[in-house]
Amino acid sequence: MMMKKEIRYSCSLTLTLLLLLCVSCDRENKSLLGTGSFEATEVLVSGEVSGKLIRWDVAEGDRLQEGAEVGLVDTIQLALKREALRHSGAGVAVSSPDVATQIAPLEAKLSDLRSQRERIKRLLDADVATKKQLDDLDAGIAQLEGQIEATKATLSNSRGQVSAQRSAIDVQVEQVSDMIRRSVITAPITGTVIANYVHRGELAAAGHPLFRIANMDEMILRAYITGEDLGLIRVGESVKVRVDGAAGEGGSRTYDGTISWISPKAEFTPKSVQTRDDRAGLVYAVKVRVPNEDGYLKISMYGELLRPTAE
């Protein structure tokens, strides 16, 4: 008789525990809006010039500040090319004609002819000179004035050509200077190096990847929710995000996040994602920005988006 009571008590306790477990699971499912994985803003840094890496201060796991110099490509050949261009530009500048100097003799001759004309005109007024002498001087003056104008035009064209050549060389010098500046490799954003592809002494090629850096200070949870839950959230709204705790914590961690994007179109449920309603064939992607102040969140870590009303 006693044994039967103990069996009934044991069965009752088991049923109670199962009921509590079901209630707990149901409460947890109702608080879950969607699930997904964490992403980060990543930048793939590639070489802009080709050459040997004479300095490289990048290792996976390093935290870099935006603008920090982390590497240098050998610039000796570029520096020599720039110096040669500068000498070439100086030589071109010297060849530019001096208009004033070259027409000075013609201007002096013109001034002399004009003086002669004034003298002949006075003599003609006194019936000492002839009209032909004055006409000859006028013709000579007109011819010399035309010669001066033609010379000025020719010299001006020459100066324009020289100036164009000098400008082209100046542009080439600036292009080489820009390549020298690009030989200094810097971090494009503040973040953590998650992949390093080269080492000091290797040949870096323009356009080839050097390293990958990610902003781990703010993670992005890309979660998926069903269409019936779209009305529960909106862009700019604060939400809660839950992740599994570390070993020994015996629970989960909750973070504050902000809805930054909601997909305008539905897509089929990804195989790696389980929504609150497993029968839902179409879901909407949602991005949640989550500050990672403690550095616990990692790329591809599983996360859960909680309903806005959940505590």
C-alpha atoms as a PDB file:
ATOM      1  CA  MET A   1       0.000   0.000   0.000  1.00  0.00           C
ATOM      2  CA  MET A   2       2.833   2.283   0.898  1.00  0.00           C
ATOM      3  CA  MET A   3       4.607   1.454  -2.346  1.00  0.00           C
ATOM      4  CA  LYS A   4       1.563   2.470  -4.402  1.00  0.00           C
ATOM      5  CA  LYS A   5       1.457   5.888  -2.694  1.00  0.00           C
ATOM      6  CA  GLU A   6       5.148   6.435  -3.437  1.00  0.00           C
ATOM      7  CA  ILE A   7       4.615   5.524  -7.103  1.00  0.00           C
ATOM      8  CA  ARG A   8       1.643   7.923  -7.370  1.00  0.00           C
ATOM      9  CA  TYR A   9       3.727  10.684  -5.729  1.00  0.00           C
ATOM     10  CA  SER A  10       6.638  10.066  -8.072  1.00  0.00           C
ATOM     11  CA  CYS A  11       4.387  10.171 -11.133  1.00  0.00           C
ATOM     12  CA  SER A  12       2.744  13.365  -9.894  1.00  0.00           C
ATOM     13  CA  LEU A  13       6.148  15.028  -9.403  1.00  0.00           C
ATOM     14  CA  THR A  14       7.294  13.982 -12.848  1.00  0.00           C
ATOM     15  CA  LEU A  15       4.168  15.380 -14.470  1.00  0.00           C
ATOM     16  CA  THR A  16       4.595  18.640 -12.568  1.00  0.00           C
ATOM     17  CA  LEU A  17       8.201  19.009 -13.764  1.00  0.00           C
ATOM     18  CA  LEU A  18       7.222  18.274 -17.351  1.00  0.00           C
ATOM     19  CA  LEU A  19       4.422  20.831 -17.140  1.00  0.00           C
ATOM     20  CA  LEU A  20       6.811  23.470 -15.787  1.00  0.00           C
ATOM     21  CA  LEU A  21       9.284  22.654 -18.551  1.00  0.00           C
ATOM     22  CA  CYS A  22       6.589  22.984 -21.215  1.00  0.00           C
ATOM     23  CA  VAL A  23       5.425  26.306 -19.744  1.00  0.00           C
ATOM     24  CA  SER A  24       9.024  27.556 -19.684  1.00  0.00           C
ATOM     25  CA  CYS A  25       9.629  26.481 -23.299  1.00  0.00           C
ATOM     26  CA  ASP A  26       6.360  28.024 -24.415  1.00  0.00           C
ATOM     27  CA  ARG A  27       7.223  31.309 -22.665  1.00  0.00           C
ATOM     28  CA  GLU A  28      10.676  31.274 -24.291  1.00  0.00           C
ATOM     29  CA  ASN A  29       9.234  30.589 -27.747  1.00  0.00           C
ATOM     30  CA  LYS A  30       6.736  33.399 -27.378  1.00  0.00           C
ATOM     31  CA  SER A  31       9.539  35.838 -26.506  1.00  0.00           C
ATOM     32  CA  LEU A  32      11.548  34.823 -29.565  1.00  0.00           C
ATOM     33  CA  LEU A  33      10.963  36.927 -32.667  1.00  0.00           C
ATOM     34  CA  GLY A  34      13.661  35.568 -34.964  1.00  0.00           C
ATOM     35  CA  THR A  35      17.171  34.139 -35.124  1.00  0.00           C
ATOM     36  CA  GLY A  36      20.269  34.646 -37.191  1.00  0.00           C
ATOM     37  CA  SER A  37      23.997  35.209 -36.990  1.00  0.00           C
ATOM     38  CA  PHE A  38      26.266  38.170 -36.339  1.00  0.00           C
ATOM     39  CA  GLU A  39      28.146  40.076 -39.024  1.00  0.00           C
ATOM     40  CA  ALA A  40      30.624  42.939 -38.907  1.00  0.00           C
ATOM     41  CA  THR A  41      31.556  45.766 -41.241  1.00  0.00           C
ATOM     42  CA  GLU A  42      34.581  44.359 -43.048  1.00  0.00           C
ATOM     43  CA  VAL A  43      37.045  46.089 -45.385  1.00  0.00           C
ATOM     44  CA  LEU A  44      39.381  44.195 -47.689  1.00  0.00           C
ATOM     45  CA  VAL A  45      42.542  46.288 -48.084  1.00  0.00           C
ATOM     46  CA  SER A  46      44.352  45.780 -51.394  1.00  0.00           C
ATOM     47  CA  GLY A  47      47.659  47.143 -52.681  1.00  0.00           C
ATOM     48  CA  GLU A  48      47.475  50.294 -54.812  1.00  0.00           C
ATOM     49  CA  VAL A  49      51.038  50.092 -56.165  1.00  0.00           C
ATOM     50  CA  SER A  50      53.315  47.189 -56.952  1.00  0.00           C
ATOM     51  CA  GLY A  51      56.624  46.667 -55.210  1.00  0.00           C
ATOM     52  CA  LYS A  52      58.476  44.987 -52.405  1.00  0.00           C
ATOM     53  CA  LEU A  53      57.048  45.351 -48.893  1.00  0.00           C
ATOM     54  CA  ILE A  54      59.926  46.877 -46.928  1.00  0.00           C
ATOM     55  CA  ARG A  55      57.742  47.386 -43.832  1.00  0.00           C
ATOM     56  CA  TRP A  56      54.724  45.411 -42.666  1.00  0.00           C
ATOM     57  CA  ASP A  57      53.256  45.746 -39.165  1.00  0.00           C
ATOM     58  CA  VAL A  58      50.073  43.694 -39.495  1.00  0.00           C
ATOM     59  CA  ALA A  59      49.149  40.487 -37.669  1.00  0.00           C
ATOM     60  CA  GLU A  60      45.823  38.765 -37.216  1.00  0.00           C
ATOM     61  CA  GLY A  61      44.129  39.965 -34.062  1.00  0.00           C
ATOM     62  CA  ASP A  62      45.811  43.383 -34.086  1.00  0.00           C
ATOM     63  CA  ARG A  63      43.555  46.323 -33.314  1.00  0.00           C
ATOM     64  CA  LEU A  64      44.286  49.250 -35.623  1.00  0.00           C
ATOM     65  CA  GLN A  65      43.156  52.848 -35.552  1.00  0.00           C
ATOM     66  CA  GLU A  66      41.830  54.484 -38.694  1.00  0.00           C
ATOM     67  CA  GLY A  67      44.664  56.114 -40.627  1.00  0.00           C
ATOM     68  CA  ALA A  68      47.420  54.209 -38.812  1.00  0.00           C
ATOM     69  CA  GLU A  69      50.412  53.421 -41.062  1.00  0.00           C
ATOM     70  CA  VAL A  70      50.935  49.668 -41.166  1.00  0.00           C
ATOM     71  CA  GLY A  71      53.145  49.079 -44.195  1.00  0.00           C
ATOM     72  CA  LEU A  72      55.343  50.583 -46.887  1.00  0.00           C
ATOM     73  CA  VAL A  73      56.093  49.534 -50.457  1.00  0.00           C
ATOM     74  CA  ASP A  74      59.586  50.271 -51.791  1.00  0.00           C
ATOM     75  CA  THR A  75      59.474  53.722 -53.458  1.00  0.00           C
ATOM     76  CA  ILE A  76      63.077  54.112 -54.717  1.00  0.00           C
ATOM     77  CA  GLN A  77      62.211  53.695 -58.398  1.00  0.00           C
ATOM     78  CA  LEU A  78      59.267  56.060 -58.085  1.00  0.00           C
ATOM     79  CA  ALA A  79      61.433  58.692 -56.378  1.00  0.00           C
ATOM     80  CA  LEU A  80      64.049  58.430 -59.165  1.00  0.00           C
ATOM     81  CA  LYS A  81      61.373  58.745 -61.832  1.00  0.00           C
ATOM     82  CA  ARG A  82      59.965  61.851 -60.156  1.00  0.00           C
ATOM     83  CA  GLU A  83      63.430  63.439 -59.973  1.00  0.00           C
ATOM     84  CA  ALA A  84      64.017  62.747 -63.672  1.00  0.00           C
ATOM     85  CA  LEU A  85      60.699  64.358 -64.549  1.00  0.00           C
ATOM     86  CA  ARG A  86      61.538  67.443 -62.505  1.00  0.00           C
ATOM     87  CA  HIS A  87      64.845  67.873 -64.367  1.00  0.00           C
ATOM     88  CA  SER A  88      63.032  67.430 -67.658  1.00  0.00           C
ATOM     89  CA  GLY A  89      60.538  70.092 -66.664  1.00  0.00           C
ATOM     90  CA  ALA A  90      63.324  72.492 -65.756  1.00  0.00           C
ATOM     91  CA  GLY A  91      64.923  71.948 -69.177  1.00  0.00           C
ATOM     92  CA  VAL A  92      61.659  72.641 -70.967  1.00  0.00           C
ATOM     93  CA  ALA A  93      61.176  75.844 -68.972  1.00  0.00           C
ATOM     94  CA  VAL A  94      64.602  77.126 -70.075  1.00  0.00           C
ATOM     95  CA  SER A  95      63.683  76.618 -73.741  1.00  0.00           C
ATOM     96  CA  SER A  96      60.741  78.980 -73.464  1.00  0.00           C
ATOM     97  CA  PRO A  97      61.417  82.063 -75.703  1.00  0.00           C
ATOM     98  CA  ASP A  98      61.641  85.545 -74.201  1.00  0.00           C
ATOM     99  CA  VAL A  99      59.307  87.602 -76.363  1.00  0.00           C
ATOM    100  CA  ALA A 100      60.507  90.991 -75.135  1.00  0.00           C
ATOM    101  CA  THR A 101      64.171  90.182 -75.734  1.00  0.00           C
ATOM    102  CA  GLN A 102      63.656  88.803 -79.239  1.00  0.00           C
ATOM    103  CA  ILE A 103      61.544  91.677 -80.559  1.00  0.00           C
ATOM    104  CA  ALA A 104      63.639  94.380 -78.914  1.00  0.00           C
ATOM    105  CA  PRO A 105      65.846  94.912 -82.050  1.00  0.00           C
ATOM    106  CA  LEU A 106      62.764  95.178 -84.257  1.00  0.00           C
ATOM    107  CA  GLU A 107      61.180  97.668 -81.869  1.00  0.00           C
ATOM    108  CA  ALA A 108      64.368  99.760 -81.938  1.00  0.00           C
ATOM    109  CA  LYS A 109      64.438  99.723 -85.753  1.00  0.00           C
ATOM    110  CA  LEU A 110      60.773 100.740 -85.846  1.00  0.00           C
ATOM    111  CA  SER A 111      61.455 103.630 -83.502  1.00  0.00           C
ATOM    112  CA  ASP A 112      64.315 104.778 -85.779  1.00  0.00           C
ATOM    113  CA  LEU A 113      62.105 104.663 -88.871  1.00  0.00           C
ATOM    114  CA  ARG A 114      59.429 106.697 -87.144  1.00  0.00           C
ATOM    115  CA  SER A 115      62.006 109.320 -86.169  1.00  0.00           C
ATOM    116  CA  GLN A 116      63.227 109.467 -89.792  1.00  0.00           C
ATOM    117  CA  ARG A 117      59.648 109.923 -90.971  1.00  0.00           C
ATOM    118  CA  GLU A 118      59.120 112.885 -88.664  1.00  0.00           C
ATOM    119  CA  ARG A 119      62.333 114.461 -89.975  1.00  0.00           C
ATOM    120  CA  ILE A 120      61.423 113.848 -93.645  1.00  0.00           C
ATOM    121  CA  LYS A 121      57.938 115.243 -93.068  1.00  0.00           C
ATOM    122  CA  ARG A 122      59.399 118.473 -91.714  1.00  0.00           C
ATOM    123  CA  LEU A 123      61.736 118.689 -94.700  1.00  0.00           C
ATOM    124  CA  LEU A 124      58.834 118.005 -97.065  1.00  0.00           C
ATOM    125  CA  ASP A 125      56.862 120.842 -95.495  1.00  0.00           C
ATOM    126  CA  ALA A 126      59.856 123.068 -96.219  1.00  0.00           C
ATOM    127  CA  ASP A 127      60.062 121.770 -99.843  1.00  0.00           C
ATOM    128  CA  VAL A 128      63.461 120.256 -99.089  1.00  0.00           C
ATOM    129  CA  ALA A 129      62.421 116.551 -99.317  1.00  0.00           C
ATOM    130  CA  THR A 130      60.304 114.648-101.808  1.00  0.00           C
ATOM    131  CA  LYS A 131      56.969 112.942-101.360  1.00  0.00           C
ATOM    132  CA  LYS A 132      58.549 109.622-102.468  1.00  0.00           C
ATOM    133  CA  GLN A 133      60.961 109.693 -99.513  1.00  0.00           C
ATOM    134  CA  LEU A 134      58.037 110.013 -97.101  1.00  0.00           C
ATOM    135  CA  ASP A 135      56.104 107.222 -98.867  1.00  0.00           C
ATOM    136  CA  ASP A 136      59.116 104.907 -98.731  1.00  0.00           C
ATOM    137  CA  LEU A 137      59.423 105.451 -94.993  1.00  0.00           C
ATOM    138  CA  ASP A 138      55.684 104.814 -94.462  1.00  0.00           C
ATOM    139  CA  ALA A 139      55.988 101.532 -96.378  1.00  0.00           C
ATOM    140  CA  GLY A 140      59.020 100.507 -94.370  1.00  0.00           C
ATOM    141  CA  ILE A 141      57.238 101.317 -91.087  1.00  0.00           C
ATOM    142  CA  ALA A 142      54.133  99.316 -92.088  1.00  0.00           C
ATOM    143  CA  GLN A 143      56.271  96.345 -93.148  1.00  0.00           C
ATOM    144  CA  LEU A 144      58.228  96.401 -89.893  1.00  0.00           C
ATOM    145  CA  GLU A 145      55.055  96.661 -87.800  1.00  0.00           C
ATOM    146  CA  GLY A 146      53.686  93.582 -89.562  1.00  0.00           C
ATOM    147  CA  GLN A 147      56.945  91.746 -88.976  1.00  0.00           C
ATOM    148  CA  ILE A 148      56.815  92.581 -85.272  1.00  0.00           C
ATOM    149  CA  GLU A 149      53.235  91.320 -84.953  1.00  0.00           C
ATOM    150  CA  ALA A 150      54.101  88.093 -86.795  1.00  0.00           C
ATOM    151  CA  THR A 151      57.139  87.550 -84.580  1.00  0.00           C
ATOM    152  CA  LYS A 152      55.062  88.116 -81.462  1.00  0.00           C
ATOM    153  CA  ALA A 153      52.480  85.574 -82.646  1.00  0.00           C
ATOM    154  CA  THR A 154      55.169  82.988 -83.422  1.00  0.00           C
ATOM    155  CA  LEU A 155      56.893  83.482 -80.092  1.00  0.00           C
ATOM    156  CA  SER A 156      53.566  83.380 -78.286  1.00  0.00           C
ATOM    157  CA  ASN A 157      52.742  80.038 -79.906  1.00  0.00           C
ATOM    158  CA  SER A 158      56.161  78.705 -78.923  1.00  0.00           C
ATOM    159  CA  ARG A 159      55.654  79.833 -75.345  1.00  0.00           C
ATOM    160  CA  GLY A 160      52.222  78.153 -75.338  1.00  0.00           C
ATOM    161  CA  GLN A 161      53.712  74.883 -76.540  1.00  0.00           C
ATOM    162  CA  VAL A 162      56.466  75.042 -73.947  1.00  0.00           C
ATOM    163  CA  SER A 163      53.933  75.862 -71.245  1.00  0.00           C
ATOM    164  CA  ALA A 164      51.791  72.884 -72.302  1.00  0.00           C
ATOM    165  CA  GLN A 165      54.815  70.592 -72.191  1.00  0.00           C
ATOM    166  CA  ARG A 166      55.744  71.916 -68.751  1.00  0.00           C
ATOM    167  CA  SER A 167      52.178  71.412 -67.498  1.00  0.00           C
ATOM    168  CA  ALA A 168      52.155  67.834 -68.796  1.00  0.00           C
ATOM    169  CA  ILE A 169      55.422  67.127 -66.984  1.00  0.00           C
ATOM    170  CA  ASP A 170      54.052  68.719 -63.797  1.00  0.00           C
ATOM    171  CA  VAL A 171      51.043  66.406 -64.024  1.00  0.00           C
ATOM    172  CA  GLN A 172      53.343  63.392 -64.402  1.00  0.00           C
ATOM    173  CA  VAL A 173      55.329  64.529 -61.381  1.00  0.00           C
ATOM    174  CA  GLU A 174      52.133  64.777 -59.348  1.00  0.00           C
ATOM    175  CA  GLN A 175      51.024  61.334 -60.541  1.00  0.00           C
ATOM    176  CA  VAL A 176      54.305  59.811 -59.361  1.00  0.00           C
ATOM    177  CA  SER A 177      54.040  61.723 -56.056  1.00  0.00           C
ATOM    178  CA  ASP A 178      50.540  60.302 -55.618  1.00  0.00           C
ATOM    179  CA  MET A 179      51.859  56.780 -56.216  1.00  0.00           C
ATOM    180  CA  ILE A 180      54.541  57.403 -53.591  1.00  0.00           C
ATOM    181  CA  ARG A 181      51.865  58.513 -51.133  1.00  0.00           C
ATOM    182  CA  ARG A 182      49.816  55.399 -51.961  1.00  0.00           C
ATOM    183  CA  SER A 183      52.859  53.263 -51.231  1.00  0.00           C
ATOM    184  CA  VAL A 184      52.207  53.998 -47.566  1.00  0.00           C
ATOM    185  CA  ILE A 185      49.564  51.470 -46.478  1.00  0.00           C
ATOM    186  CA  THR A 186      47.123  52.636 -43.810  1.00  0.00           C
ATOM    187  CA  ALA A 187      44.155  51.197 -41.948  1.00  0.00           C
ATOM    188  CA  PRO A 188      40.919  52.395 -43.613  1.00  0.00           C
ATOM    189  CA  ILE A 189      38.810  51.984 -40.469  1.00  0.00           C
ATOM    190  CA  THR A 190      39.263  51.401 -36.766  1.00  0.00           C
ATOM    191  CA  GLY A 191      38.947  47.698 -36.198  1.00  0.00           C
ATOM    192  CA  THR A 192      40.533  44.291 -35.721  1.00  0.00           C
ATOM    193  CA  VAL A 193      42.612  42.466 -38.320  1.00  0.00           C
ATOM    194  CA  ILE A 194      40.804  39.209 -39.056  1.00  0.00           C
ATOM    195  CA  ALA A 195      43.018  38.010 -41.930  1.00  0.00           C
ATOM    196  CA  ASN A 196      46.554  38.768 -43.097  1.00  0.00           C
ATOM    197  CA  TYR A 197      47.638  37.717 -46.598  1.00  0.00           C
ATOM    198  CA  VAL A 198      51.237  38.999 -46.952  1.00  0.00           C
ATOM    199  CA  HIS A 199      54.486  39.369 -45.001  1.00  0.00           C
ATOM    200  CA  ARG A 200      57.407  41.785 -45.006  1.00  0.00           C
ATOM    201  CA  GLY A 201      59.768  41.186 -47.902  1.00  0.00           C
ATOM    202  CA  GLU A 202      57.116  39.815 -50.241  1.00  0.00           C
ATOM    203  CA  LEU A 203      56.180  41.431 -53.538  1.00  0.00           C
ATOM    204  CA  ALA A 204      52.888  43.284 -53.287  1.00  0.00           C
ATOM    205  CA  ALA A 205      50.903  43.643 -56.500  1.00  0.00           C
ATOM    206  CA  ALA A 206      48.451  46.423 -57.210  1.00  0.00           C
ATOM    207  CA  GLY A 207      44.900  45.211 -56.716  1.00  0.00           C
ATOM    208  CA  HIS A 208      45.869  42.109 -54.725  1.00  0.00           C
ATOM    209  CA  PRO A 209      44.540  41.708 -51.138  1.00  0.00           C
ATOM    210  CA  LEU A 210      46.863  42.592 -48.259  1.00  0.00           C
ATOM    211  CA  PHE A 211      44.676  42.171 -45.192  1.00  0.00           C
ATOM    212  CA  ARG A 212      41.072  42.227 -44.006  1.00  0.00           C
ATOM    213  CA  ILE A 213      39.900  44.393 -41.128  1.00  0.00           C
ATOM    214  CA  ALA A 214      36.533  44.383 -39.343  1.00  0.00           C
ATOM    215  CA  ASN A 215      34.823  46.814 -37.012  1.00  0.00           C
ATOM    216  CA  MET A 216      34.125  44.598 -34.005  1.00  0.00           C
ATOM    217  CA  ASP A 217      32.963  47.482 -31.792  1.00  0.00           C
ATOM    218  CA  GLU A 218      29.486  47.321 -33.317  1.00  0.00           C
ATOM    219  CA  MET A 219      28.164  44.005 -34.580  1.00  0.00           C
ATOM    220  CA  ILE A 220      25.208  43.429 -36.869  1.00  0.00           C
ATOM    221  CA  LEU A 221      22.735  40.640 -36.185  1.00  0.00           C
ATOM    222  CA  ARG A 222      21.146  39.514 -39.428  1.00  0.00           C
ATOM    223  CA  ALA A 223      17.989  37.782 -38.261  1.00  0.00           C
ATOM    224  CA  TYR A 224      14.910  36.447 -40.039  1.00  0.00           C
ATOM    225  CA  ILE A 225      11.301  36.949 -38.954  1.00  0.00           C
ATOM    226  CA  THR A 226       7.961  35.869 -40.357  1.00  0.00           C
ATOM    227  CA  GLY A 227       5.654  38.206 -42.204  1.00  0.00           C
ATOM    228  CA  GLU A 228       3.082  38.199 -39.421  1.00  0.00           C
ATOM    229  CA  ASP A 229       5.680  39.664 -37.038  1.00  0.00           C
ATOM    230  CA  LEU A 230       6.711  42.565 -39.286  1.00  0.00           C
ATOM    231  CA  GLY A 231       4.280  44.892 -37.541  1.00  0.00           C
ATOM    232  CA  LEU A 232       6.057  44.368 -34.217  1.00  0.00           C
ATOM    233  CA  ILE A 233       9.246  46.195 -35.204  1.00  0.00           C
ATOM    234  CA  ARG A 234      10.289  49.252 -37.175  1.00  0.00           C
ATOM    235  CA  VAL A 235      13.563  50.853 -38.222  1.00  0.00           C
ATOM    236  CA  GLY A 236      15.178  52.832 -35.396  1.00  0.00           C
ATOM    237  CA  GLU A 237      13.416  50.871 -32.649  1.00  0.00           C
ATOM    238  CA  SER A 238      15.377  49.532 -29.678  1.00  0.00           C
ATOM    239  CA  VAL A 239      15.262  45.750 -29.208  1.00  0.00           C
ATOM    240  CA  LYS A 240      16.900  43.027 -27.155  1.00  0.00           C
ATOM    241  CA  VAL A 241      19.293  40.435 -28.554  1.00  0.00           C
ATOM    242  CA  ARG A 242      20.189  37.210 -26.753  1.00  0.00           C
ATOM    243  CA  VAL A 243      23.232  34.960 -27.210  1.00  0.00           C
ATOM    244  CA  ASP A 244      24.500  31.891 -25.423  1.00  0.00           C
ATOM    245  CA  GLY A 245      26.713  32.622 -22.454  1.00  0.00           C
ATOM    246  CA  ALA A 246      30.304  31.482 -22.143  1.00  0.00           C
ATOM    247  CA  ALA A 247      31.173  28.130 -20.603  1.00  0.00           C
ATOM    248  CA  GLY A 248      30.589  28.228 -16.880  1.00  0.00           C
ATOM    249  CA  GLU A 249      28.106  31.112 -17.006  1.00  0.00           C
ATOM    250  CA  GLY A 250      25.170  28.719 -17.021  1.00  0.00           C
ATOM    251  CA  GLY A 251      22.884  30.956 -19.025  1.00  0.00           C
ATOM    252  CA  SER A 252      22.683  33.522 -21.803  1.00  0.00           C
ATOM    253  CA  ARG A 253      23.715  37.120 -22.370  1.00  0.00           C
ATOM    254  CA  THR A 254      21.362  39.879 -23.442  1.00  0.00           C
ATOM    255  CA  TYR A 255      22.391  42.979 -25.404  1.00  0.00           C
ATOM    256  CA  ASP A 256      20.626  46.162 -26.416  1.00  0.00           C
ATOM    257  CA  GLY A 257      20.304  46.711 -30.155  1.00  0.00           C
ATOM    258  CA  THR A 258      18.681  48.976 -32.715  1.00  0.00           C
ATOM    259  CA  ILE A 259      16.804  47.942 -35.844  1.00  0.00           C
ATOM    260  CA  SER A 260      18.751  49.490 -38.738  1.00  0.00           C
ATOM    261  CA  TRP A 261      17.176  47.778 -41.759  1.00  0.00           C
ATOM    262  CA  ILE A 262      14.192  45.640 -42.701  1.00  0.00           C
ATOM    263  CA  SER A 263      14.201  43.856 -46.036  1.00  0.00           C
ATOM    264  CA  PRO A 264      11.510  45.152 -48.425  1.00  0.00           C
ATOM    265  CA  LYS A 265      10.986  41.697 -49.916  1.00  0.00           C
ATOM    266  CA  ALA A 266      10.479  38.191 -48.588  1.00  0.00           C
ATOM    267  CA  GLU A 267      12.772  35.250 -49.172  1.00  0.00           C
ATOM    268  CA  PHE A 268      12.674  31.537 -48.480  1.00  0.00           C
ATOM    269  CA  THR A 269      13.780  30.491 -45.015  1.00  0.00           C
ATOM    270  CA  PRO A 270      17.554  29.785 -45.001  1.00  0.00           C
ATOM    271  CA  LYS A 271      18.329  26.198 -44.004  1.00  0.00           C
ATOM    272  CA  SER A 272      20.570  27.369 -41.165  1.00  0.00           C
ATOM    273  CA  VAL A 273      17.881  29.552 -39.591  1.00  0.00           C
ATOM    274  CA  GLN A 274      14.925  28.455 -37.484  1.00  0.00           C
ATOM    275  CA  THR A 275      12.134  30.941 -36.924  1.00  0.00           C
ATOM    276  CA  ARG A 276       9.489  30.898 -34.251  1.00  0.00           C
ATOM    277  CA  ASP A 277       7.139  29.257 -36.710  1.00  0.00           C
ATOM    278  CA  ASP A 278       9.038  26.454 -38.461  1.00  0.00           C
ATOM    279  CA  ARG A 279       6.182  26.065 -40.928  1.00  0.00           C
ATOM    280  CA  ALA A 280       6.776  29.541 -42.367  1.00  0.00           C
ATOM    281  CA  GLY A 281       8.133  29.254 -45.906  1.00  0.00           C
ATOM    282  CA  LEU A 282       8.859  32.963 -46.397  1.00  0.00           C
ATOM    283  CA  VAL A 283      10.699  35.272 -44.021  1.00  0.00           C
ATOM    284  CA  TYR A 284      12.068  38.826 -43.971  1.00  0.00           C
ATOM    285  CA  ALA A 285      15.678  39.687 -43.205  1.00  0.00           C
ATOM    286  CA  VAL A 286      16.301  42.221 -40.449  1.00  0.00           C
ATOM    287  CA  LYS A 287      19.551  43.910 -39.416  1.00  0.00           C
ATOM    288  CA  VAL A 288      20.115  44.886 -35.800  1.00  0.00           C
ATOM    289  CA  ARG A 289      23.088  47.018 -34.763  1.00  0.00           C
ATOM    290  CA  VAL A 290      24.458  45.786 -31.434  1.00  0.00           C
ATOM    291  CA  PRO A 291      27.258  47.585 -29.517  1.00  0.00           C
ATOM    292  CA  ASN A 292      29.947  45.062 -28.620  1.00  0.00           C
ATOM    293  CA  GLU A 293      31.381  46.856 -25.625  1.00  0.00           C
ATOM    294  CA  ASP A 294      32.601  43.728 -23.849  1.00  0.00           C
ATOM    295  CA  GLY A 295      34.015  42.201 -27.045  1.00  0.00           C
ATOM    296  CA  TYR A 296      32.127  38.945 -26.486  1.00  0.00           C
ATOM    297  CA  LEU A 297      30.216  38.958 -29.788  1.00  0.00           C
ATOM    298  CA  LYS A 298      32.016  37.332 -32.697  1.00  0.00           C
ATOM    299  CA  ILE A 299      31.399  37.023 -36.439  1.00  0.00           C
ATOM    300  CA  SER A 300      28.995  34.161 -37.339  1.00  0.00           C
ATOM    301  CA  MET A 301      27.927  33.747 -33.694  1.00  0.00           C
ATOM    302  CA  TYR A 302      24.301  32.616 -33.332  1.00  0.00           C
ATOM    303  CA  GLY A 303      21.907  35.199 -31.921  1.00  0.00           C
ATOM    304  CA  GLU A 304      18.231  35.563 -31.100  1.00  0.00           C
ATOM    305  CA  LEU A 305      16.080  38.616 -31.663  1.00  0.00           C
ATOM    306  CA  LEU A 306      13.563  39.024 -28.846  1.00  0.00           C
ATOM    307  CA  ARG A 307      10.121  40.500 -29.142  1.00  0.00           C
ATOM    308  CA  PRO A 308      10.040  44.213 -28.173  1.00  0.00           C
ATOM    309  CA  THR A 309       7.690  43.430 -25.257  1.00  0.00           C
ATOM    310  CA  ALA A 310      10.028  40.800 -23.779  1.00  0.00           C
ATOM    311  CA  GLU A 311      11.880  41.664 -20.581  1.00  0.00           C
END
